[in-house]
């Protein structure tokens, strides 16, 4: 049953501040960020939109590219029902 539940939520529970961080980083383009971290621009687009969750390694590379802690780039949002423990 848990498998079906996770498939219903196509968007990731991982949220990010990539767009804001790119803007604050002298309006860095998606392509420039992609080049810095070694992925395609399309991967950056998908991560920004929440359609794809990066690997842990890529998440750290992105945080390093912005010279900011990982927690300022990515946040994990839990569903209310998961927080209640019931």
Protein backbone atom coordinates (compact mmCIF):
# COMPACT_ATOMS: atom_id res chain seq x y z
CA UNK A 1 0.00 0.00 0.00
CA UNK A 2 2.85 2.41 0.77
CA UNK A 3 4.15 1.96 -2.75
CA UNK A 4 0.87 3.18 -4.28
CA UNK A 5 0.76 6.12 -1.90
CA UNK A 6 4.22 7.31 -2.95
CA UNK A 7 3.36 6.93 -6.65
CA UNK A 8 0.37 9.24 -6.26
CA UNK A 9 2.68 12.08 -5.22
CA UNK A 10 4.66 12.74 -8.39
CA UNK A 11 6.26 15.89 -6.98
CA UNK A 12 9.14 15.43 -4.59
CA UNK A 13 8.82 16.16 -0.88
CA UNK A 14 12.21 17.81 -1.19
CA UNK A 15 11.86 21.54 -1.67
CA UNK A 16 14.66 23.83 -2.75
CA UNK A 17 15.81 27.43 -2.94
CA UNK A 18 17.84 26.98 -6.11
CA UNK A 19 16.09 29.67 -8.12
CA UNK A 20 16.53 32.24 -5.34
CA UNK A 21 20.15 31.22 -4.77
CA UNK A 22 20.91 31.52 -8.50
CA UNK A 23 19.42 35.01 -8.49
CA UNK A 24 21.47 36.00 -5.44
CA UNK A 25 24.59 34.55 -7.08
CA UNK A 26 24.76 37.36 -9.63
CA UNK A 27 21.79 35.92 -11.54
CA UNK A 28 23.59 32.66 -12.33
CA UNK A 29 21.97 30.84 -15.23
CA UNK A 30 20.75 27.28 -15.03
CA UNK A 31 23.43 26.36 -17.56
CA UNK A 32 26.19 27.97 -15.47
CA UNK A 33 25.04 26.01 -12.40
CA UNK A 34 24.82 22.82 -14.44
CA UNK A 35 28.38 23.33 -15.68
CA UNK A 36 29.64 23.95 -12.12
CA UNK A 37 28.12 20.77 -10.74
CA UNK A 38 28.58 18.53 -13.78
CA UNK A 39 25.01 17.86 -14.94
CA UNK A 40 22.79 18.99 -17.81
CA UNK A 41 20.70 22.13 -17.75
CA UNK A 42 17.62 19.92 -18.01
CA UNK A 43 18.59 18.23 -14.74
CA UNK A 44 18.80 21.61 -13.01
CA UNK A 45 15.37 22.54 -14.43
CA UNK A 46 13.84 19.30 -13.14
CA UNK A 47 15.38 19.75 -9.67
CA UNK A 48 14.26 23.40 -9.46
CA UNK A 49 10.69 22.42 -10.37
CA UNK A 50 10.67 19.61 -7.80
CA UNK A 51 10.20 16.95 -10.46
CA UNK A 52 13.50 15.25 -9.62
CA UNK A 53 15.40 14.76 -6.38
CA UNK A 54 19.16 14.98 -6.74
CA UNK A 55 21.53 12.36 -5.42
CA UNK A 56 23.13 13.19 -2.11
CA UNK A 57 26.42 13.82 -3.89
CA UNK A 58 24.83 16.23 -6.37
CA UNK A 59 22.99 18.03 -3.56
CA UNK A 60 26.31 18.62 -1.79
CA UNK A 61 27.94 19.82 -5.03
CA UNK A 62 25.08 22.28 -5.55
CA UNK A 63 25.38 23.61 -1.98
CA UNK A 64 29.12 23.99 -2.48
CA UNK A 65 28.54 25.87 -5.76
CA UNK A 66 26.45 28.40 -3.82
CA UNK A 67 28.87 28.37 -0.86
CA UNK A 68 25.97 27.71 1.46
CA UNK A 69 24.95 24.91 3.84
CA UNK A 70 22.97 22.05 2.31
CA UNK A 71 19.98 22.90 4.53
CA UNK A 72 19.72 26.33 2.88
CA UNK A 73 19.51 24.75 -0.56
CA UNK A 74 17.24 21.76 0.14
CA UNK A 75 14.48 21.10 2.70
CA UNK A 76 12.54 17.89 3.31
CA UNK A 77 8.80 18.33 3.93
CA UNK A 78 6.99 15.55 5.73
CA UNK A 79 3.26 14.99 5.34
CA UNK A 80 1.16 15.76 8.45
CA UNK A 81 0.05 12.13 8.74
CA UNK A 82 3.69 11.02 8.84
CA UNK A 83 4.45 13.43 11.69
CA UNK A 84 1.68 12.21 13.98
CA UNK A 85 3.14 8.73 14.41
CA UNK A 86 -0.29 7.12 14.25
